[in-house]
PDB file of all heavy atoms in Angstrom:
ATOM      1  N   THR A   1      78.688 155.810 -36.910  1.00  0.00           N
ATOM      2  CA  THR A   1      78.870 154.360 -36.817  1.00  0.00           C
ATOM      3  C   THR A   1      79.700 154.105 -35.500  1.00  0.00           C
ATOM      4  O   THR A   1      80.775 154.578 -35.310  1.00  0.00           O
ATOM      5  CB  THR A   1      79.699 153.776 -37.981  1.00  0.00           C
ATOM      6  OG1 THR A   1      78.955 154.051 -39.207  1.00  0.00           O
ATOM      7  CG2 THR A   1      79.889 152.316 -37.869  1.00  0.00           C
ATOM      8  N   GLN A   2      79.113 153.256 -34.648  1.00  0.00           N
ATOM      9  CA  GLN A   2      79.611 153.020 -33.262  1.00  0.00           C
ATOM     10  C   GLN A   2      79.544 151.569 -32.920  1.00  0.00           C
ATOM     11  O   GLN A   2      78.777 150.822 -33.431  1.00  0.00           O
ATOM     12  CB  GLN A   2      78.773 153.870 -32.200  1.00  0.00           C
ATOM     13  CG  GLN A   2      78.682 155.355 -32.576  1.00  0.00           C
ATOM     14  CD  GLN A   2      79.878 156.193 -32.183  1.00  0.00           C
ATOM     15  OE1 GLN A   2      80.787 155.747 -31.503  1.00  0.00           O
ATOM     16  NE2 GLN A   2      80.037 157.349 -32.805  1.00  0.00           N
ATOM     17  N   ASP A   3      80.283 151.258 -31.877  1.00  0.00           N
ATOM     18  CA  ASP A   3      80.111 150.021 -31.063  1.00  0.00           C
ATOM     19  C   ASP A   3      79.135 150.375 -29.957  1.00  0.00           C
ATOM     20  O   ASP A   3      79.292 151.447 -29.261  1.00  0.00           O
ATOM     21  CB  ASP A   3      81.422 149.471 -30.532  1.00  0.00           C
ATOM     22  CG  ASP A   3      82.332 148.910 -31.631  1.00  0.00           C
ATOM     23  OD1 ASP A   3      81.909 148.923 -32.763  1.00  0.00           O
ATOM     24  OD2 ASP A   3      83.455 148.454 -31.272  1.00  0.00           O
ATOM     25  N   ILE A   4      78.290 149.467 -29.573  1.00  0.00           N
ATOM     26  CA  ILE A   4      77.283 149.661 -28.543  1.00  0.00           C
ATOM     27  C   ILE A   4      77.443 148.503 -27.526  1.00  0.00           C
ATOM     28  O   ILE A   4      77.146 147.337 -27.963  1.00  0.00           O
ATOM     29  CB  ILE A   4      75.845 149.764 -29.055  1.00  0.00           C
ATOM     30  CG1 ILE A   4      75.730 150.980 -29.982  1.00  0.00           C
ATOM     31  CG2 ILE A   4      74.840 149.964 -27.919  1.00  0.00           C
ATOM     32  CD1 ILE A   4      75.932 150.620 -31.439  1.00  0.00           C
ATOM     33  N   LEU A   5      77.767 148.778 -26.312  1.00  0.00           N
ATOM     34  CA  LEU A   5      77.852 147.760 -25.320  1.00  0.00           C
ATOM     35  C   LEU A   5      76.510 147.721 -24.416  1.00  0.00           C
ATOM     36  O   LEU A   5      76.138 148.771 -23.954  1.00  0.00           O
ATOM     37  CB  LEU A   5      79.066 147.998 -24.388  1.00  0.00           C
ATOM     38  CG  LEU A   5      79.298 146.975 -23.216  1.00  0.00           C
ATOM     39  CD1 LEU A   5      79.564 145.568 -23.804  1.00  0.00           C
ATOM     40  CD2 LEU A   5      80.468 147.454 -22.339  1.00  0.00           C
ATOM     41  N   ILE A   6      75.903 146.588 -24.376  1.00  0.00           N
ATOM     42  CA  ILE A   6      74.611 146.491 -23.616  1.00  0.00           C
ATOM     43  C   ILE A   6      74.885 145.509 -22.483  1.00  0.00           C
ATOM     44  O   ILE A   6      75.350 144.342 -22.692  1.00  0.00           O
ATOM     45  CB  ILE A   6      73.505 146.003 -24.470  1.00  0.00           C
ATOM     46  CG1 ILE A   6      73.283 147.005 -25.599  1.00  0.00           C
ATOM     47  CG2 ILE A   6      72.236 145.826 -23.686  1.00  0.00           C
ATOM     48  CD1 ILE A   6      72.299 146.489 -26.688  1.00  0.00           C
ATOM     49  N   GLU A   7      74.647 146.011 -21.178  1.00  0.00           N
ATOM     50  CA  GLU A   7      74.905 145.150 -19.988  1.00  0.00           C
ATOM     51  C   GLU A   7      73.633 145.102 -19.216  1.00  0.00           C
ATOM     52  O   GLU A   7      73.032 146.201 -18.918  1.00  0.00           O
ATOM     53  CB  GLU A   7      76.063 145.640 -19.227  1.00  0.00           C
ATOM     54  CG  GLU A   7      77.383 145.527 -19.969  1.00  0.00           C
ATOM     55  CD  GLU A   7      78.594 145.970 -19.169  1.00  0.00           C
ATOM     56  OE1 GLU A   7      78.628 147.217 -18.878  1.00  0.00           O
ATOM     57  OE2 GLU A   7      79.451 145.195 -18.754  1.00  0.00           O
ATOM     58  N   ASN A   8      73.126 143.941 -18.831  1.00  0.00           N
ATOM     59  CA  ASN A   8      71.887 143.735 -18.023  1.00  0.00           C
ATOM     60  C   ASN A   8      70.713 144.526 -18.746  1.00  0.00           C
ATOM     61  O   ASN A   8      69.876 145.099 -18.030  1.00  0.00           O
ATOM     62  CB  ASN A   8      72.115 144.298 -16.586  1.00  0.00           C
ATOM     63  CG  ASN A   8      73.198 143.521 -15.915  1.00  0.00           C
ATOM     64  OD1 ASN A   8      73.253 142.202 -16.067  1.00  0.00           O
ATOM     65  ND2 ASN A   8      74.060 144.186 -15.204  1.00  0.00           N
ATOM     66  N   GLY A   9      70.689 144.427 -20.033  1.00  0.00           N
ATOM     67  CA  GLY A   9      69.586 145.040 -20.833  1.00  0.00           C
ATOM     68  C   GLY A   9      69.594 146.550 -21.014  1.00  0.00           C
ATOM     69  O   GLY A   9      68.710 147.084 -21.596  1.00  0.00           O
ATOM     70  N   ALA A  10      70.674 147.189 -20.507  1.00  0.00           N
ATOM     71  CA  ALA A  10      70.815 148.651 -20.687  1.00  0.00           C
ATOM     72  C   ALA A  10      72.080 148.951 -21.431  1.00  0.00           C
ATOM     73  O   ALA A  10      73.007 148.266 -21.353  1.00  0.00           O
ATOM     74  CB  ALA A  10      70.753 149.354 -19.356  1.00  0.00           C
ATOM     75  N   ILE A  11      72.068 150.198 -22.152  1.00  0.00           N
ATOM     76  CA  ILE A  11      73.254 150.639 -22.906  1.00  0.00           C
ATOM     77  C   ILE A  11      74.221 151.226 -21.934  1.00  0.00           C
ATOM     78  O   ILE A  11      73.923 152.246 -21.214  1.00  0.00           O
ATOM     79  CB  ILE A  11      72.777 151.602 -23.992  1.00  0.00           C
ATOM     80  CG1 ILE A  11      71.798 151.065 -24.960  1.00  0.00           C
ATOM     81  CG2 ILE A  11      74.012 152.202 -24.652  1.00  0.00           C
ATOM     82  CD1 ILE A  11      71.172 151.977 -25.901  1.00  0.00           C
ATOM     83  N   SER A  12      75.411 150.574 -21.770  1.00  0.00           N
ATOM     84  CA  SER A  12      76.390 151.073 -20.860  1.00  0.00           C
ATOM     85  C   SER A  12      77.462 151.856 -21.406  1.00  0.00           C
ATOM     86  O   SER A  12      78.131 152.652 -20.800  1.00  0.00           O
ATOM     87  CB  SER A  12      77.010 149.880 -20.040  1.00  0.00           C
ATOM     88  OG  SER A  12      77.598 148.973 -20.930  1.00  0.00           O
ATOM     89  N   LYS A  13      77.647 151.686 -22.764  1.00  0.00           N
ATOM     90  CA  LYS A  13      78.787 152.384 -23.374  1.00  0.00           C
ATOM     91  C   LYS A  13      78.490 152.507 -24.934  1.00  0.00           C
ATOM     92  O   LYS A  13      78.055 151.487 -25.496  1.00  0.00           O
ATOM     93  CB  LYS A  13      80.134 151.707 -23.156  1.00  0.00           C
ATOM     94  CG  LYS A  13      81.383 152.514 -23.646  1.00  0.00           C
ATOM     95  CD  LYS A  13      82.638 151.853 -23.239  1.00  0.00           C
ATOM     96  CE  LYS A  13      83.872 152.595 -23.732  1.00  0.00           C
ATOM     97  NZ  LYS A  13      85.144 151.966 -23.299  1.00  0.00           N
ATOM     98  N   ILE A  14      78.786 153.628 -25.526  1.00  0.00           N
ATOM     99  CA  ILE A  14      78.764 153.777 -27.037  1.00  0.00           C
ATOM    100  C   ILE A  14      80.096 154.500 -27.313  1.00  0.00           C
ATOM    101  O   ILE A  14      80.411 155.522 -26.855  1.00  0.00           O
ATOM    102  CB  ILE A  14      77.554 154.630 -27.456  1.00  0.00           C
ATOM    103  CG1 ILE A  14      76.267 153.977 -27.047  1.00  0.00           C
ATOM    104  CG2 ILE A  14      77.631 154.829 -28.974  1.00  0.00           C
ATOM    105  CD1 ILE A  14      74.960 154.756 -27.349  1.00  0.00           C
ATOM    106  N   ALA A  15      80.853 153.897 -28.316  1.00  0.00           N
ATOM    107  CA  ALA A  15      82.105 154.482 -28.565  1.00  0.00           C
ATOM    108  C   ALA A  15      82.574 153.990 -30.029  1.00  0.00           C
ATOM    109  O   ALA A  15      81.913 152.979 -30.583  1.00  0.00           O
ATOM    110  CB  ALA A  15      83.217 154.094 -27.598  1.00  0.00           C
ATOM    111  N   ASN A  16      83.545 154.613 -30.628  1.00  0.00           N
ATOM    112  CA  ASN A  16      84.002 154.184 -31.925  1.00  0.00           C
ATOM    113  C   ASN A  16      84.465 152.711 -31.953  1.00  0.00           C
ATOM    114  O   ASN A  16      84.256 151.970 -32.885  1.00  0.00           O
ATOM    115  CB  ASN A  16      85.123 155.140 -32.380  1.00  0.00           C
ATOM    116  CG  ASN A  16      84.644 156.500 -32.744  1.00  0.00           C
ATOM    117  OD1 ASN A  16      83.505 156.707 -33.164  1.00  0.00           O
ATOM    118  ND2 ASN A  16      85.491 157.509 -32.528  1.00  0.00           N
ATOM    119  N   SER A  17      85.158 152.385 -30.828  1.00  0.00           N
ATOM    120  CA  SER A  17      85.639 150.964 -30.722  1.00  0.00           C
ATOM    121  C   SER A  17      85.599 150.571 -29.299  1.00  0.00           C
ATOM    122  O   SER A  17      86.122 151.233 -28.376  1.00  0.00           O
ATOM    123  CB  SER A  17      87.048 150.929 -31.332  1.00  0.00           C
ATOM    124  OG  SER A  17      87.509 149.548 -31.188  1.00  0.00           O
ATOM    125  N   ILE A  18      84.942 149.390 -28.991  1.00  0.00           N
ATOM    126  CA  ILE A  18      84.911 148.851 -27.619  1.00  0.00           C
ATOM    127  C   ILE A  18      85.541 147.456 -27.672  1.00  0.00           C
ATOM    128  O   ILE A  18      85.055 146.687 -28.394  1.00  0.00           O
ATOM    129  CB  ILE A  18      83.446 148.838 -27.119  1.00  0.00           C
ATOM    130  CG1 ILE A  18      82.803 150.233 -27.158  1.00  0.00           C
ATOM    131  CG2 ILE A  18      83.339 148.218 -25.743  1.00  0.00           C
ATOM    132  CD1 ILE A  18      81.308 150.309 -26.779  1.00  0.00           C
ATOM    133  N   LYS A  19      86.467 147.240 -26.766  1.00  0.00           N
ATOM    134  CA  LYS A  19      87.044 145.904 -26.690  1.00  0.00           C
ATOM    135  C   LYS A  19      86.175 144.953 -25.836  1.00  0.00           C
ATOM    136  O   LYS A  19      85.620 145.428 -24.843  1.00  0.00           O
ATOM    137  CB  LYS A  19      88.465 145.987 -26.031  1.00  0.00           C
ATOM    138  CG  LYS A  19      89.444 146.647 -26.883  1.00  0.00           C
ATOM    139  CD  LYS A  19      90.848 146.654 -26.331  1.00  0.00           C
ATOM    140  CE  LYS A  19      91.869 147.264 -27.242  1.00  0.00           C
ATOM    141  NZ  LYS A  19      93.221 147.280 -26.599  1.00  0.00           N
ATOM    142  N   ASN A  20      85.985 143.770 -26.260  1.00  0.00           N
ATOM    143  CA  ASN A  20      85.090 142.801 -25.597  1.00  0.00           C
ATOM    144  C   ASN A  20      85.901 142.019 -24.516  1.00  0.00           C
ATOM    145  O   ASN A  20      86.149 140.890 -24.615  1.00  0.00           O
ATOM    146  CB  ASN A  20      84.573 141.802 -26.652  1.00  0.00           C
ATOM    147  CG  ASN A  20      83.423 140.966 -26.094  1.00  0.00           C
ATOM    148  OD1 ASN A  20      83.082 141.197 -24.995  1.00  0.00           O
ATOM    149  ND2 ASN A  20      82.902 140.112 -26.911  1.00  0.00           N
ATOM    150  N   THR A  21      86.318 142.757 -23.499  1.00  0.00           N
ATOM    151  CA  THR A  21      87.062 142.245 -22.428  1.00  0.00           C
ATOM    152  C   THR A  21      86.399 141.165 -21.587  1.00  0.00           C
ATOM    153  O   THR A  21      86.972 140.290 -20.951  1.00  0.00           O
ATOM    154  CB  THR A  21      87.573 143.335 -21.443  1.00  0.00           C
ATOM    155  OG1 THR A  21      86.459 144.090 -20.924  1.00  0.00           O
ATOM    156  CG2 THR A  21      88.505 144.292 -22.211  1.00  0.00           C
ATOM    157  N   LYS A  22      84.995 141.280 -21.492  1.00  0.00           N
ATOM    158  CA  LYS A  22      84.309 140.364 -20.750  1.00  0.00           C
ATOM    159  C   LYS A  22      83.678 139.156 -21.489  1.00  0.00           C
ATOM    160  O   LYS A  22      82.930 138.389 -21.037  1.00  0.00           O
ATOM    161  CB  LYS A  22      83.105 141.106 -19.971  1.00  0.00           C
ATOM    162  CG  LYS A  22      83.605 142.121 -19.056  1.00  0.00           C
ATOM    163  CD  LYS A  22      82.488 142.802 -18.281  1.00  0.00           C
ATOM    164  CE  LYS A  22      83.032 143.872 -17.379  1.00  0.00           C
ATOM    165  NZ  LYS A  22      81.915 144.619 -16.634  1.00  0.00           N
ATOM    166  N   LYS A  23      84.182 139.150 -22.779  1.00  0.00           N
ATOM    167  CA  LYS A  23      83.765 138.051 -23.710  1.00  0.00           C
ATOM    168  C   LYS A  23      82.194 137.844 -23.804  1.00  0.00           C
ATOM    169  O   LYS A  23      81.710 136.760 -23.670  1.00  0.00           O
ATOM    170  CB  LYS A  23      84.452 136.707 -23.359  1.00  0.00           C
ATOM    171  CG  LYS A  23      85.955 136.805 -23.111  1.00  0.00           C
ATOM    172  CD  LYS A  23      86.582 135.596 -23.656  1.00  0.00           C
ATOM    173  CE  LYS A  23      88.162 135.666 -23.502  1.00  0.00           C
ATOM    174  NZ  LYS A  23      88.696 136.763 -24.169  1.00  0.00           N
ATOM    175  N   TYR A  24      81.508 138.969 -23.932  1.00  0.00           N
ATOM    176  CA  TYR A  24      80.115 138.919 -24.202  1.00  0.00           C
ATOM    177  C   TYR A  24      79.863 138.445 -25.616  1.00  0.00           C
ATOM    178  O   TYR A  24      80.687 138.455 -26.510  1.00  0.00           O
ATOM    179  CB  TYR A  24      79.499 140.296 -24.063  1.00  0.00           C
ATOM    180  CG  TYR A  24      79.445 140.903 -22.631  1.00  0.00           C
ATOM    181  CD1 TYR A  24      79.555 142.229 -22.459  1.00  0.00           C
ATOM    182  CD2 TYR A  24      79.439 140.043 -21.501  1.00  0.00           C
ATOM    183  CE1 TYR A  24      79.499 142.837 -21.156  1.00  0.00           C
ATOM    184  CE2 TYR A  24      79.446 140.521 -20.283  1.00  0.00           C
ATOM    185  CZ  TYR A  24      79.423 141.954 -20.090  1.00  0.00           C
ATOM    186  OH  TYR A  24      79.406 142.388 -18.731  1.00  0.00           O
ATOM    187  N   LYS A  25      78.602 138.031 -25.901  1.00  0.00           N
ATOM    188  CA  LYS A  25      78.131 137.725 -27.159  1.00  0.00           C
ATOM    189  C   LYS A  25      78.316 138.953 -28.098  1.00  0.00           C
ATOM    190  O   LYS A  25      78.044 140.071 -27.696  1.00  0.00           O
ATOM    191  CB  LYS A  25      76.631 137.390 -27.226  1.00  0.00           C
ATOM    192  CG  LYS A  25      76.048 137.112 -28.547  1.00  0.00           C
ATOM    193  CD  LYS A  25      74.574 136.822 -28.456  1.00  0.00           C
ATOM    194  CE  LYS A  25      73.913 136.698 -29.833  1.00  0.00           C
ATOM    195  NZ  LYS A  25      74.355 135.535 -30.574  1.00  0.00           N
ATOM    196  N   GLU A  26      78.887 138.745 -29.276  1.00  0.00           N
ATOM    197  CA  GLU A  26      79.060 139.886 -30.302  1.00  0.00           C
ATOM    198  C   GLU A  26      78.118 139.733 -31.388  1.00  0.00           C
ATOM    199  O   GLU A  26      77.841 138.653 -31.860  1.00  0.00           O
ATOM    200  CB  GLU A  26      80.543 139.871 -30.772  1.00  0.00           C
ATOM    201  CG  GLU A  26      81.557 140.538 -29.843  1.00  0.00           C
ATOM    202  CD  GLU A  26      82.881 140.806 -30.528  1.00  0.00           C
ATOM    203  OE1 GLU A  26      82.839 140.841 -31.812  1.00  0.00           O
ATOM    204  OE2 GLU A  26      83.807 140.990 -29.808  1.00  0.00           O
ATOM    205  N   ILE A  27      77.554 140.927 -31.791  1.00  0.00           N
ATOM    206  CA  ILE A  27      76.777 141.050 -33.003  1.00  0.00           C
ATOM    207  C   ILE A  27      77.486 141.872 -34.046  1.00  0.00           C
ATOM    208  O   ILE A  27      77.790 143.031 -33.778  1.00  0.00           O
ATOM    209  CB  ILE A  27      75.368 141.610 -32.681  1.00  0.00           C
ATOM    210  CG1 ILE A  27      74.589 140.752 -31.702  1.00  0.00           C
ATOM    211  CG2 ILE A  27      74.605 141.809 -33.998  1.00  0.00           C
ATOM    212  CD1 ILE A  27      73.217 141.365 -31.336  1.00  0.00           C
ATOM    213  N   LYS A  28      77.949 141.202 -35.155  1.00  0.00           N
ATOM    214  CA  LYS A  28      78.650 141.841 -36.180  1.00  0.00           C
ATOM    215  C   LYS A  28      78.132 141.375 -37.531  1.00  0.00           C
ATOM    216  O   LYS A  28      78.225 140.310 -37.847  1.00  0.00           O
ATOM    217  CB  LYS A  28      80.184 141.588 -36.102  1.00  0.00           C
ATOM    218  CG  LYS A  28      81.001 142.416 -36.949  1.00  0.00           C
ATOM    219  CD  LYS A  28      82.514 142.214 -36.721  1.00  0.00           C
ATOM    220  CE  LYS A  28      83.396 143.233 -37.459  1.00  0.00           C
ATOM    221  NZ  LYS A  28      84.779 143.096 -37.123  1.00  0.00           N
ATOM    222  N   LEU A  29      77.387 142.300 -38.163  1.00  0.00           N
ATOM    223  CA  LEU A  29      76.680 141.884 -39.423  1.00  0.00           C
ATOM    224  C   LEU A  29      76.979 142.912 -40.534  1.00  0.00           C
ATOM    225  O   LEU A  29      77.338 144.073 -40.365  1.00  0.00           O
ATOM    226  CB  LEU A  29      75.122 141.897 -39.074  1.00  0.00           C
ATOM    227  CG  LEU A  29      74.679 140.904 -37.977  1.00  0.00           C
ATOM    228  CD1 LEU A  29      73.305 141.301 -37.403  1.00  0.00           C
ATOM    229  CD2 LEU A  29      74.712 139.488 -38.530  1.00  0.00           C
ATOM    230  N   GLU A  30      76.757 142.390 -41.746  1.00  0.00           N
ATOM    231  CA  GLU A  30      77.013 143.252 -42.895  1.00  0.00           C
ATOM    232  C   GLU A  30      76.109 144.451 -42.997  1.00  0.00           C
ATOM    233  O   GLU A  30      74.896 144.439 -42.778  1.00  0.00           O
ATOM    234  CB  GLU A  30      76.774 142.445 -44.155  1.00  0.00           C
ATOM    235  CG  GLU A  30      77.058 143.200 -45.460  1.00  0.00           C
ATOM    236  CD  GLU A  30      76.783 142.308 -46.694  1.00  0.00           C
ATOM    237  OE1 GLU A  30      76.335 141.182 -46.536  1.00  0.00           O
ATOM    238  OE2 GLU A  30      76.876 142.898 -47.871  1.00  0.00           O
ATOM    239  N   ASN A  31      76.792 145.634 -43.206  1.00  0.00           N
ATOM    240  CA  ASN A  31      76.105 146.920 -43.383  1.00  0.00           C
ATOM    241  C   ASN A  31      75.058 147.145 -42.269  1.00  0.00           C
ATOM    242  O   ASN A  31      73.895 147.473 -42.462  1.00  0.00           O
ATOM    243  CB  ASN A  31      75.353 146.980 -44.654  1.00  0.00           C
ATOM    244  CG  ASN A  31      74.980 148.432 -45.025  1.00  0.00           C
ATOM    245  OD1 ASN A  31      75.506 149.415 -44.682  1.00  0.00           O
ATOM    246  ND2 ASN A  31      73.820 148.489 -45.900  1.00  0.00           N
TER     247      ASN A  31
END
């Protein structure tokens, strides 16, 4: 279970927890 950061249509980072420093749209959904 990871956070996935997508920038310009490509996956730029995958980690246990990623801070949304650039205030991108977030997708957080049940299960």
